[in-house]
Protein backbone atom coordinates (compact mmCIF):
# COMPACT_ATOMS: atom_id res chain seq x y z
CA MET A 1 0.00 0.00 0.00
CA ALA A 2 2.83 2.43 0.84
CA GLY A 3 4.29 2.05 -2.66
CA ASP A 4 0.88 2.72 -4.21
CA VAL A 5 0.45 5.85 -2.10
CA ASP A 6 3.92 7.13 -2.99
CA ALA A 7 3.16 6.70 -6.69
CA LEU A 8 -0.12 8.56 -6.29
CA THR A 9 1.65 11.38 -4.46
CA GLN A 10 4.13 11.72 -7.32
CA ARG A 11 1.34 11.74 -9.88
CA ALA A 12 -0.57 14.44 -7.97
CA ALA A 13 2.59 16.54 -7.68
CA HIS A 14 2.91 16.57 -11.48
CA SER A 15 -0.72 17.67 -11.92
CA THR A 16 -1.86 19.62 -8.90
CA ASP A 17 -4.96 20.92 -10.69
CA SER A 18 -6.07 17.46 -11.92
CA PRO A 19 -5.01 14.78 -9.43
CA VAL A 20 -5.50 11.17 -10.48
CA VAL A 21 -6.02 8.23 -8.13
CA ASP A 22 -6.30 4.52 -8.90
CA THR A 23 -9.37 2.79 -7.48
CA ALA A 24 -10.31 -0.87 -7.64
CA SER A 25 -12.63 -0.10 -10.56
CA GLY A 26 -10.41 2.28 -12.50
CA ARG A 27 -8.60 5.60 -12.35
CA VAL A 28 -10.42 8.80 -11.33
CA LYS A 29 -9.41 12.40 -11.95
CA GLY A 30 -10.49 15.16 -9.61
CA ILE A 31 -9.60 18.80 -9.17
CA THR A 32 -7.48 20.67 -6.67
CA SER A 33 -8.92 23.84 -5.19
CA ASP A 34 -7.59 25.94 -2.33
CA GLY A 35 -5.27 23.19 -1.18
CA VAL A 36 -7.86 20.39 -1.22
CA HIS A 37 -8.09 17.54 -3.73
CA VAL A 38 -11.75 16.97 -4.60
CA PHE A 39 -13.22 13.86 -6.26
CA LYS A 40 -16.98 13.82 -6.89
CA GLY A 41 -19.33 11.14 -8.12
CA ILE A 42 -17.04 8.11 -7.68
CA PRO A 43 -19.08 4.91 -8.11
CA TYR A 44 -18.85 2.47 -5.21
CA GLY A 45 -21.62 0.28 -6.58
CA ALA A 46 -23.30 -0.69 -9.84
CA SER A 47 -26.63 0.65 -11.05
CA THR A 48 -29.53 -0.60 -8.93
CA ALA A 49 -32.02 -0.62 -11.80
CA GLY A 50 -33.80 -3.61 -13.33
CA ALA A 51 -32.79 -6.97 -11.90
CA ASN A 52 -30.62 -5.17 -9.31
CA ARG A 53 -33.62 -3.32 -7.87
CA PHE A 54 -34.28 -4.34 -4.24
CA MET A 55 -31.09 -6.45 -4.31
CA PRO A 56 -27.92 -5.99 -2.23
CA PRO A 57 -25.46 -3.59 -3.88
CA ARG A 58 -23.01 -4.96 -6.43
CA LYS A 59 -19.50 -3.79 -7.25
CA PRO A 60 -19.30 -1.03 -9.86
CA GLU A 61 -18.52 -1.94 -13.44
CA PRO A 62 -14.83 -1.28 -14.08
CA TRP A 63 -13.87 1.36 -16.62
CA ALA A 64 -10.90 1.90 -18.90
CA GLY A 65 -8.85 5.07 -18.99
CA VAL A 66 -9.37 7.92 -16.56
CA ARG A 67 -12.88 8.77 -15.32
CA GLU A 68 -13.73 12.41 -14.64
CA ALA A 69 -14.71 12.88 -11.00
CA THR A 70 -15.26 16.63 -11.00
CA ALA A 71 -19.05 17.00 -10.72
CA TYR A 72 -21.68 15.72 -8.33
CA ALA A 73 -23.40 12.57 -9.54
CA GLY A 74 -25.83 10.12 -8.04
CA ARG A 75 -29.12 10.95 -6.36
CA SER A 76 -31.66 8.33 -5.43
CA PRO A 77 -35.26 8.74 -6.54
CA GLN A 78 -36.92 10.92 -3.96
CA ALA A 79 -40.09 10.52 -1.94
CA ALA A 80 -42.06 13.70 -1.36
CA ALA A 81 -40.61 15.74 1.51
CA PRO A 82 -43.01 17.35 4.00
CA PRO A 83 -44.60 20.59 2.74
CA GLN A 84 -42.75 23.77 3.60
CA ARG A 85 -43.27 27.51 3.40
CA PRO A 86 -42.18 28.70 -0.08
CA GLU A 87 -39.75 31.21 1.38
CA LEU A 88 -37.91 28.37 3.16
CA ALA A 89 -37.26 26.31 0.01
CA THR A 90 -33.60 27.36 -0.04
CA VAL A 91 -33.27 28.29 3.61
CA TRP A 92 -29.98 26.40 3.98
CA GLY A 93 -28.56 27.36 0.60
CA PRO A 94 -28.87 25.96 -2.95
CA VAL A 95 -30.67 22.65 -3.35
CA ASP A 96 -29.45 19.58 -5.21
CA THR A 97 -30.53 19.59 -8.86
CA VAL A 98 -28.71 16.41 -9.96
CA THR A 99 -31.11 14.21 -11.93
CA VAL A 100 -32.51 11.35 -9.85
CA GLY A 101 -31.97 7.79 -10.98
CA GLU A 102 -31.17 4.27 -9.85
CA ASP A 103 -27.50 4.61 -10.79
CA CYS A 104 -27.04 6.45 -7.51
CA LEU A 105 -24.34 4.58 -5.57
CA THR A 106 -21.71 7.31 -5.62
CA LEU A 107 -19.54 9.11 -3.11
CA HIS A 108 -17.43 12.26 -2.94
CA VAL A 109 -13.99 12.71 -1.36
CA TRP A 110 -12.21 15.82 -0.08
CA THR A 111 -8.62 15.37 1.05
CA PRO A 112 -5.75 17.73 1.90
CA GLY A 113 -3.17 15.31 0.53
CA LEU A 114 -2.71 12.20 -1.61
CA ASP A 115 0.04 10.90 0.64
CA ASN A 116 0.63 8.48 3.47
CA ALA A 117 -0.36 10.87 6.27
CA LYS A 118 -3.09 8.55 7.62
CA ARG A 119 -5.57 11.31 8.35
CA PRO A 120 -8.83 10.62 10.18
CA VAL A 121 -11.64 9.82 7.74
CA MET A 122 -15.08 11.38 8.33
CA VAL A 123 -17.91 9.71 6.38
CA TRP A 124 -21.04 11.87 6.07
CA LEU A 125 -24.51 10.29 5.84
CA HIS A 126 -27.07 12.81 4.63
CA GLY A 127 -30.48 13.48 6.14
CA GLY A 128 -33.95 13.06 4.71
CA ALA A 129 -35.73 10.45 6.85
CA PHE A 130 -34.40 7.57 4.71
CA SER A 131 -36.71 8.90 1.98
CA TRP A 132 -35.18 11.98 0.34
CA GLY A 133 -32.02 14.10 0.28
CA SER A 134 -28.53 13.57 -1.09
CA ALA A 135 -24.84 14.11 -0.41
CA ASN A 136 -24.70 16.75 -3.16
CA SER A 137 -25.72 19.87 -1.24
CA PRO A 138 -23.16 22.71 -1.21
CA ARG A 139 -23.55 23.01 2.56
CA HIS A 140 -22.12 19.47 2.78
CA ASP A 141 -19.01 20.50 0.84
CA GLY A 142 -16.11 19.01 2.78
CA SER A 143 -13.38 21.36 1.53
CA ARG A 144 -13.01 23.64 4.54
CA LEU A 145 -13.59 20.87 7.10
CA ALA A 146 -10.84 18.83 5.39
CA ARG A 147 -8.34 21.63 4.82
CA ARG A 148 -8.64 23.44 8.14
CA ASN A 149 -8.60 20.25 10.25
CA ASP A 150 -6.39 17.93 8.18
CA VAL A 151 -9.01 15.21 7.77
CA VAL A 152 -10.42 13.29 4.81
CA VAL A 153 -14.15 13.85 4.27
CA VAL A 154 -16.37 11.40 2.36
CA ALA A 155 -20.07 11.93 1.57
CA VAL A 156 -22.31 9.08 0.40
CA ASN A 157 -25.34 8.74 -1.87
CA HIS A 158 -27.45 5.60 -1.59
CA ARG A 159 -30.93 4.15 -2.19
CA LEU A 160 -33.85 5.71 -0.34
CA ASN A 161 -37.58 5.15 0.36
CA VAL A 162 -39.23 2.31 -1.60
CA PHE A 163 -36.03 1.69 -3.59
CA GLY A 164 -33.92 1.13 -0.49
CA HIS A 165 -36.42 -0.23 2.01
CA LEU A 166 -39.25 -2.24 0.44
CA ASP A 167 -39.32 -5.40 2.53
CA LEU A 168 -40.30 -8.23 0.18
CA SER A 169 -38.68 -10.94 2.29
CA GLN A 170 -41.99 -12.52 3.36
CA ILE A 171 -43.37 -12.26 -0.17
CA GLY A 172 -40.51 -13.15 -2.50
CA GLY A 173 -38.56 -15.59 -0.37
CA GLU A 174 -34.79 -15.92 -0.08
CA ARG A 175 -34.04 -13.95 -3.25
CA PHE A 176 -35.54 -10.83 -1.67
CA ALA A 177 -34.45 -11.60 1.90
CA GLN A 178 -32.38 -8.39 2.20
CA SER A 179 -34.63 -6.05 0.20
CA GLY A 180 -35.89 -4.16 3.26
CA ASN A 181 -32.34 -3.20 4.19
CA ALA A 182 -30.89 -2.56 0.72
CA GLY A 183 -30.36 1.12 1.52
CA VAL A 184 -28.25 0.47 4.60
CA LEU A 185 -26.40 -2.32 2.80
CA ASP A 186 -25.41 0.42 0.35
CA LEU A 187 -23.86 2.25 3.31
CA VAL A 188 -21.96 -0.88 4.32
CA ALA A 189 -20.67 -1.15 0.75
CA ALA A 190 -19.58 2.49 0.84
CA LEU A 191 -17.73 1.90 4.11
CA GLU A 192 -16.05 -1.16 2.60
CA TRP A 193 -14.95 1.08 -0.29
CA VAL A 194 -13.56 3.55 2.25
CA ARG A 195 -11.63 0.79 4.04
CA GLN A 196 -10.13 -0.34 0.73
CA HIS A 197 -9.33 3.14 -0.62
CA ALA A 198 -8.75 5.45 2.35
CA GLY A 199 -4.97 5.08 2.16
CA ARG A 200 -4.99 6.09 -1.50
CA PHE A 201 -6.65 9.38 -0.57
CA GLY A 202 -4.37 10.22 2.36
CA GLY A 203 -6.65 8.71 5.02
CA ASP A 204 -6.42 6.06 7.70
CA PRO A 205 -8.77 3.07 7.17
CA GLY A 206 -8.26 2.26 10.85
CA ASN A 207 -9.68 5.62 11.99
CA VAL A 208 -13.07 6.15 10.37
CA THR A 209 -15.89 8.21 11.90
CA ILE A 210 -19.46 8.04 10.59
CA PHE A 211 -21.52 11.16 11.16
CA GLY A 212 -24.98 12.16 10.01
CA GLN A 213 -27.82 14.55 10.69
CA SER A 214 -31.56 13.85 10.93
CA GLY A 215 -32.15 10.70 8.86
CA GLY A 216 -28.37 10.55 8.60
CA GLY A 217 -28.27 10.19 12.37
CA GLY A 218 -30.74 7.35 11.97
CA LYS A 219 -28.33 5.74 9.51
CA VAL A 220 -25.53 6.04 12.06
CA SER A 221 -27.84 4.43 14.65
CA ALA A 222 -28.57 1.53 12.29
CA LEU A 223 -24.91 0.92 11.42
CA MET A 224 -24.04 0.82 15.11
CA ALA A 225 -26.41 -2.17 15.45
CA MET A 226 -25.34 -4.06 12.30
CA PRO A 227 -22.83 -6.93 12.68
CA ARG A 228 -22.00 -6.54 8.96
CA ALA A 229 -20.69 -3.01 9.69
CA LYS A 230 -18.46 -4.09 12.59
CA GLY A 231 -14.92 -2.80 12.14
CA LEU A 232 -15.78 -0.53 9.20
CA PHE A 233 -15.97 2.52 11.48
CA HIS A 234 -14.47 3.38 14.83
CA LYS A 235 -16.35 6.46 16.08
CA ALA A 236 -19.86 7.82 15.53
CA ILE A 237 -21.68 11.16 15.67
CA ILE A 238 -25.50 11.39 15.68
CA GLN A 239 -26.91 14.86 14.96
CA SER A 240 -30.65 15.33 15.54
CA GLY A 241 -31.45 11.80 14.41
CA ALA A 242 -31.21 9.30 17.24
CA SER A 243 -33.04 6.11 16.27
CA VAL A 244 -33.95 3.86 19.17
CA ARG A 245 -36.27 1.57 17.19
CA PHE A 246 -36.97 0.62 13.57
CA ALA A 247 -39.92 -1.14 11.94
CA GLU A 248 -40.44 -4.88 12.40
CA ARG A 249 -41.49 -7.37 9.75
CA ASP A 250 -45.19 -7.49 10.51
CA ARG A 251 -45.37 -3.78 9.67
CA THR A 252 -42.96 -3.79 6.73
CA THR A 253 -44.67 -6.78 5.07
CA ARG A 254 -48.01 -5.03 5.42
CA LEU A 255 -46.45 -1.98 3.77
CA ALA A 256 -45.07 -4.07 0.89
CA ASP A 257 -48.48 -5.64 0.29
CA ALA A 258 -49.99 -2.15 0.19
CA VAL A 259 -47.45 -1.12 -2.47
CA LEU A 260 -48.30 -4.15 -4.61
CA LYS A 261 -52.02 -3.54 -4.22
CA HIS A 262 -51.70 0.10 -5.26
CA LEU A 263 -49.75 -0.95 -8.34
CA GLY A 264 -52.20 -3.73 -9.23
CA LEU A 265 -49.58 -6.48 -8.88
CA ARG A 266 -49.85 -9.91 -7.27
CA ARG A 267 -47.32 -11.33 -4.85
CA ASP A 268 -45.91 -13.55 -7.60
CA GLN A 269 -45.20 -10.58 -9.90
CA LEU A 270 -42.06 -9.21 -8.29
CA GLU A 271 -40.11 -9.31 -11.56
CA ALA A 272 -42.75 -6.97 -12.98
CA LEU A 273 -42.23 -4.76 -9.92
CA GLN A 274 -38.51 -4.61 -10.69
CA ALA A 275 -39.25 -3.59 -14.29
CA LEU A 276 -41.68 -0.76 -13.50
CA PRO A 277 -40.60 2.77 -14.41
CA LEU A 278 -39.23 4.39 -11.27
CA GLU A 279 -41.87 7.14 -11.43
CA ARG A 280 -44.64 4.53 -11.29
CA LEU A 281 -43.09 2.85 -8.26
CA GLN A 282 -42.68 6.20 -6.51
CA GLU A 283 -46.40 6.87 -6.92
CA ALA A 284 -47.14 4.03 -4.51
CA VAL A 285 -45.14 5.43 -1.58
CA ALA A 286 -47.66 7.86 -0.08
CA PRO A 287 -50.85 5.79 -0.54
CA ALA A 288 -49.16 2.67 0.81
CA GLN A 289 -47.99 4.47 3.94
CA ALA A 290 -51.50 5.85 4.47
CA THR A 291 -52.80 2.30 5.02
CA LEU A 292 -50.61 1.66 8.06
CA PRO A 293 -51.95 1.97 11.60
CA ARG A 294 -50.28 4.15 14.18
CA PRO A 295 -47.17 2.39 15.55
CA HIS A 296 -47.19 1.13 19.12
CA GLN A 297 -44.51 3.60 20.23
CA PRO A 298 -44.98 6.55 17.88
CA LEU A 299 -42.27 8.69 19.46
CA LEU A 300 -39.69 5.94 18.92
CA ASP A 301 -40.89 4.05 15.82
CA ARG A 302 -39.92 6.69 13.28
CA TYR A 303 -39.79 5.30 9.75
CA ASN A 304 -42.04 3.27 7.47
CA PHE A 305 -39.62 2.98 4.54
CA GLY A 306 -36.46 2.59 6.59
CA PRO A 307 -34.30 -0.13 8.14
CA VAL A 308 -36.05 -3.38 9.02
CA ILE A 309 -35.46 -5.53 12.10
CA ASP A 310 -34.99 -8.78 10.20
CA GLY A 311 -33.15 -10.98 12.73
CA ASN A 312 -30.09 -11.05 10.49
CA LEU A 313 -28.67 -7.79 9.11
CA LEU A 314 -30.39 -5.97 11.96
CA PRO A 315 -30.88 -8.76 14.48
CA ASN A 316 -32.45 -6.60 17.19
CA GLN A 317 -33.79 -3.12 17.83
CA PRO A 318 -30.72 -0.85 17.79
CA PHE A 319 -31.13 0.82 21.19
CA ASP A 320 -34.17 -0.85 22.73
CA PRO A 321 -34.17 -2.07 25.44
CA ALA A 322 -30.38 -1.55 25.55
CA ALA A 323 -27.53 -0.34 23.38
CA PRO A 324 -26.06 -2.92 20.97
CA ALA A 325 -23.01 -4.86 22.15
CA VAL A 326 -21.66 -4.97 18.58
CA SER A 327 -20.61 -1.30 18.85
CA ASP A 328 -19.47 -1.38 22.48
CA ASP A 329 -16.02 -0.14 21.43
CA VAL A 330 -17.33 2.85 19.43
CA PRO A 331 -17.23 6.27 21.17
CA LEU A 332 -20.31 8.36 20.44
CA MET A 333 -21.11 12.06 20.24
CA ILE A 334 -24.82 12.83 20.11
CA GLY A 335 -27.08 15.86 20.30
CA ASP A 336 -29.88 17.99 18.92
CA THR A 337 -30.64 21.60 18.20
CA LYS A 338 -32.53 23.56 20.83
CA ASP A 339 -35.59 24.27 18.68
CA GLU A 340 -35.70 21.39 16.19
CA SER A 341 -39.43 21.63 15.55
CA ALA A 342 -39.46 25.31 14.54
CA ILE A 343 -38.90 24.50 10.88
CA PHE A 344 -41.45 21.65 10.83
CA LEU A 345 -44.09 23.92 12.34
CA ALA A 346 -43.22 26.83 10.03
CA PRO A 347 -45.92 26.00 7.43
CA ASP A 348 -48.52 26.62 10.16
CA ASP A 349 -49.32 30.33 9.89
CA ALA A 350 -50.45 30.49 13.52
CA VAL A 351 -47.08 29.22 14.69
CA TRP A 352 -45.08 31.25 12.15
CA ASN A 353 -46.89 34.43 13.21
CA ARG A 354 -46.89 33.46 16.91
CA THR A 355 -50.67 33.75 17.24
CA ILE A 356 -51.77 30.38 18.63
CA SER A 357 -53.72 30.48 21.88
CA GLU A 358 -53.04 28.77 25.22
CA ASP A 359 -55.99 26.45 24.53
CA GLU A 360 -54.57 25.46 21.15
CA LEU A 361 -51.16 24.91 22.72
CA ARG A 362 -52.68 22.57 25.28
CA ARG A 363 -54.63 20.66 22.63
CA ARG A 364 -51.54 20.05 20.52
CA VAL A 365 -49.33 18.99 23.41
CA ALA A 366 -52.05 16.71 24.77
CA ALA A 367 -52.22 14.96 21.39
CA VAL A 368 -48.66 13.78 22.06
CA ALA A 369 -48.35 13.72 25.84
CA ARG A 370 -51.93 12.72 26.77
CA ASP A 371 -52.56 13.04 30.53
CA ALA A 372 -49.04 14.37 31.13
CA ALA A 373 -49.75 17.53 29.13
CA ASP A 374 -50.67 19.71 32.12
CA SER A 375 -47.48 18.88 34.00
CA LEU A 376 -45.35 19.55 30.94
CA LEU A 377 -47.07 22.82 30.14
CA ALA A 378 -46.74 24.03 33.71
CA TYR A 379 -43.01 23.32 33.59
CA TYR A 380 -42.43 25.10 30.27
CA LYS A 381 -44.48 28.10 31.40
CA GLN A 382 -42.45 28.36 34.60
CA ARG A 383 -39.17 27.89 32.72
CA ASP A 384 -39.91 30.52 30.04
CA PRO A 385 -42.65 32.80 31.38
CA ALA A 386 -42.22 35.36 28.58
CA ALA A 387 -42.34 32.79 25.77
CA SER A 388 -45.36 32.81 23.48
CA PRO A 389 -47.61 29.73 23.25
CA ALA A 390 -46.12 29.08 19.79
CA ASP A 391 -42.58 29.11 21.18
CA ARG A 392 -43.57 26.77 23.99
CA LEU A 393 -45.15 24.45 21.43
CA ILE A 394 -41.86 24.40 19.52
CA THR A 395 -40.06 23.53 22.77
CA ALA A 396 -42.48 20.73 23.70
CA LEU A 397 -42.53 19.13 20.25
CA THR A 398 -38.75 19.35 20.01
CA ALA A 399 -38.60 17.32 23.22
CA SER A 400 -41.13 14.75 21.98
CA ASN A 401 -39.82 14.36 18.44
CA PHE A 402 -36.06 14.60 19.06
CA ALA A 403 -34.65 15.11 22.54
CA VAL A 404 -36.38 12.15 24.15
CA ARG A 405 -34.79 9.76 21.65
CA SER A 406 -31.34 11.30 22.03
CA VAL A 407 -31.53 11.02 25.81
CA LEU A 408 -32.68 7.39 25.71
CA LEU A 409 -29.98 6.45 23.22
CA ALA A 410 -27.24 8.29 25.10
CA GLU A 411 -28.13 6.88 28.50
CA ARG A 412 -28.43 3.32 27.17
CA LYS A 413 -25.09 3.57 25.38
CA ALA A 414 -23.43 5.09 28.46
CA ALA A 415 -24.97 2.44 30.71
CA ARG A 416 -22.94 -0.29 29.00
CA GLY A 417 -19.80 1.39 30.30
CA ARG A 418 -17.60 0.31 27.39
CA ALA A 419 -17.02 3.42 25.24
CA PRO A 420 -17.71 7.04 26.25
CA VAL A 421 -20.63 9.18 25.14
CA TRP A 422 -20.63 12.96 24.78
CA LYS A 423 -23.92 14.84 24.56
CA TYR A 424 -24.51 18.35 23.22
CA SER A 425 -27.28 20.84 22.43
CA PHE A 426 -26.79 23.30 19.58
CA ASP A 427 -28.40 26.49 20.92
CA TRP A 428 -27.31 29.13 18.37
CA GLU A 429 -30.35 30.86 16.87
CA THR A 430 -30.38 32.11 13.29
CA PRO A 431 -31.53 35.74 12.85
CA ALA A 432 -33.10 34.89 9.47
CA PHE A 433 -36.83 35.53 9.05
CA GLY A 434 -36.96 37.72 12.12
CA GLY A 435 -35.64 34.91 14.32
CA ARG A 436 -38.73 32.73 13.78
CA LEU A 437 -36.64 29.62 13.05
CA LYS A 438 -34.61 29.94 16.27
CA ALA A 439 -32.15 27.01 16.64
CA SER A 440 -34.11 24.82 14.27
CA HIS A 441 -33.50 21.43 12.69
CA SER A 442 -30.41 21.45 10.41
CA VAL A 443 -29.11 24.80 11.66
CA GLU A 444 -25.87 23.20 12.91
CA VAL A 445 -24.88 21.52 9.62
CA PRO A 446 -23.08 24.51 8.02
CA PHE A 447 -21.23 25.02 11.32
CA VAL A 448 -20.00 21.42 11.26
CA PHE A 449 -18.85 21.72 7.64
CA ASP A 450 -17.72 25.34 8.06
CA THR A 451 -19.85 26.36 5.07
CA LEU A 452 -21.58 29.45 6.45
CA GLY A 453 -20.79 31.24 3.19
CA VAL A 454 -23.16 28.91 1.35
CA ILE A 455 -26.29 29.54 3.40
CA GLY A 456 -26.40 33.31 2.91
CA GLU A 457 -26.08 36.56 4.78
CA ALA A 458 -29.53 36.35 6.35
CA HIS A 459 -28.19 33.78 8.83
CA HIS A 460 -25.07 35.66 9.81
CA LYS A 461 -24.36 37.21 13.19
CA PRO A 462 -21.05 38.71 14.36
CA GLN A 463 -19.79 35.59 16.15
CA ALA A 464 -21.16 32.97 13.75
CA GLN A 465 -17.82 32.19 12.08
CA ALA A 466 -16.09 31.89 15.43
CA LEU A 467 -18.67 29.26 16.42
CA ALA A 468 -18.19 27.44 13.10
CA ASP A 469 -14.45 27.37 13.82
CA ARG A 470 -15.11 25.78 17.21
CA VAL A 471 -17.75 23.32 16.06
CA SER A 472 -15.91 22.03 12.99
CA ARG A 473 -12.73 21.71 15.03
CA THR A 474 -14.57 19.84 17.79
CA TRP A 475 -16.11 17.37 15.33
CA ALA A 476 -12.73 16.79 13.68
CA THR A 477 -10.99 16.42 17.05
CA PHE A 478 -13.48 13.75 18.04
CA ALA A 479 -12.85 11.99 14.72
CA ARG A 480 -9.12 12.09 15.35
CA ASN A 481 -9.05 11.09 19.03
CA GLY A 482 -12.43 9.66 20.03
CA ASP A 483 -12.71 12.58 22.46
CA PRO A 484 -13.97 16.07 21.47
CA ALA A 485 -11.75 17.89 24.00
CA ASN A 486 -9.84 20.83 22.53
CA GLU A 487 -8.83 24.30 23.68
CA ALA A 488 -11.63 25.98 21.68
CA ILE A 489 -14.35 24.69 24.05
CA PRO A 490 -14.76 24.32 27.81
CA THR A 491 -13.96 21.03 29.55
CA TRP A 492 -16.63 18.56 28.41
CA PRO A 493 -17.23 15.55 30.68
CA ALA A 494 -18.54 12.33 29.19
CA TYR A 495 -22.25 11.66 29.61
CA ALA A 496 -23.29 9.45 32.52
CA ALA A 497 -26.52 8.98 34.46
CA ALA A 498 -25.11 10.52 37.63
CA ARG A 499 -24.53 13.91 36.00
CA ARG A 500 -25.78 13.95 32.39
CA ALA A 501 -23.27 16.62 31.35
CA THR A 502 -24.37 18.39 28.15
CA MET A 503 -22.36 20.90 26.10
CA LEU A 504 -24.39 23.93 25.01
CA LEU A 505 -22.96 25.16 21.71
CA ASP A 506 -23.63 28.87 21.22
CA ASP A 507 -21.69 32.12 20.92
CA ASP A 508 -20.60 31.28 24.47
CA CYS A 509 -20.26 27.55 24.97
CA ASP A 510 -20.94 26.02 28.39
CA VAL A 511 -21.61 22.68 30.04
CA VAL A 512 -24.80 22.15 32.04
CA ASP A 513 -25.95 19.07 33.91
CA ASP A 514 -29.22 17.37 32.97
CA PRO A 515 -30.93 20.21 31.08
CA ASP A 516 -34.72 20.05 31.54
CA GLY A 517 -34.13 17.26 34.02
CA GLU A 518 -37.42 18.04 35.73
CA VAL A 519 -39.39 16.72 32.74
CA ARG A 520 -36.86 14.29 31.26
CA PRO A 521 -38.28 11.22 33.12
CA LEU A 522 -41.81 12.23 32.13
CA TRP A 523 -40.95 12.39 28.44
CA GLY A 524 -39.17 9.04 28.76
CA LYS A 525 -42.29 7.48 30.24
CA ILE A 526 -44.48 8.94 27.47
CA ALA A 527 -42.15 7.64 24.75
CA THR A 528 -41.76 4.11 26.09
CA GLY A 529 -45.24 3.63 27.54
């Protein structure tokens, strides 16, 4: 391997603007910009169309000559994202316009050097609830994170929604046994590619961190519970996406039958299902999901088209009733933003304009918290007496939809006492839109990647870049050492039940013990009851 790396270093030195690297499938040519070598759209798997649809990923077809790797490529067919206010369509910067298709198993690499420096490798798993999104967003550009922290950054595209998680195992037999987990098998294949190629891109295959936000955090949660992924990564970061439970086969088989029924296909017509135009298959996603009953634990059972507890690839629930032993040796950093639900509630004019009444607040919280609503509302009123009912609704639904899962996952991982856990809350509030979004879902992503320039001036405040410096450095330090400690932040104790130390990331960072501890047990009881 050392000889290969030396040859690659010499080749890059002769062509600093167009570096070339040998991969197992063929040579790829990237570009060098501002001291970072960038390779985009590298295939790590073959097309998933036709007979490969619903199947485990296959190796990419090899190519002759040098393949251009200078533009984003690969975006899975998308399910419809939740409706949003029109003015928020590009709230976090430009959106991905790469054409969707089933030839979507690609990844992008940013590296400061094609040498033998053995840098930490950070593998990004994008958000989108296992149903939409991609690794191609400019705010996920790894250039500054790689250059300023001397790490290798990799971002992965893979199959989503019905293409990645249609569980036909009880319908099509052994041939389709892994269909419900095809999307996460793609991630395993990408990590295998990283293990094989990290050294060729200046990285260390023995020091790989997986990190992801929202659905990407769910992907990290799934990989931590998969024996097939053991040893492919060594540290993990879950941002606003803790997944304690995934769907089980009684539910996923019912969903698959609903897809077939909507498409007018019998159970013995799965080859016809594989041959359908992708647009026709996508049409079945929403109506099929509408047939499913409410899950038993709605605050924990998050995804319909998502990973499947199949007794094999995912043998058990990832963090219920305990953390998985298979990732006992993996340090974890986990957290949420302070006001996750602000952006999900933004389409509601009464919330956006802060005009909902106390009665409406109580009705909405009671729909989630049932007979615990009065106790919760009394606490939030006492905690923030000047907050509007709309702001208190954002706080309560952030706790129910995000924080409760992060707490359960963190405490169950910490309880095993094998590898440390660090917990954070991202509290920085964007000034955009008159501050209505507060510290909403996804607000931390451009701080992690140090891409504040991409999201626009409306989000900027005087100390924003200083916080991006701290956050990106902290993430990279954790990737390097398995401990986020660095001189840019206060001393950050590991999370444990006795103290529950939590880092608040804001213009002024601080550690607090057990934030909202008065209602934490109550939310836990609601979620698991």
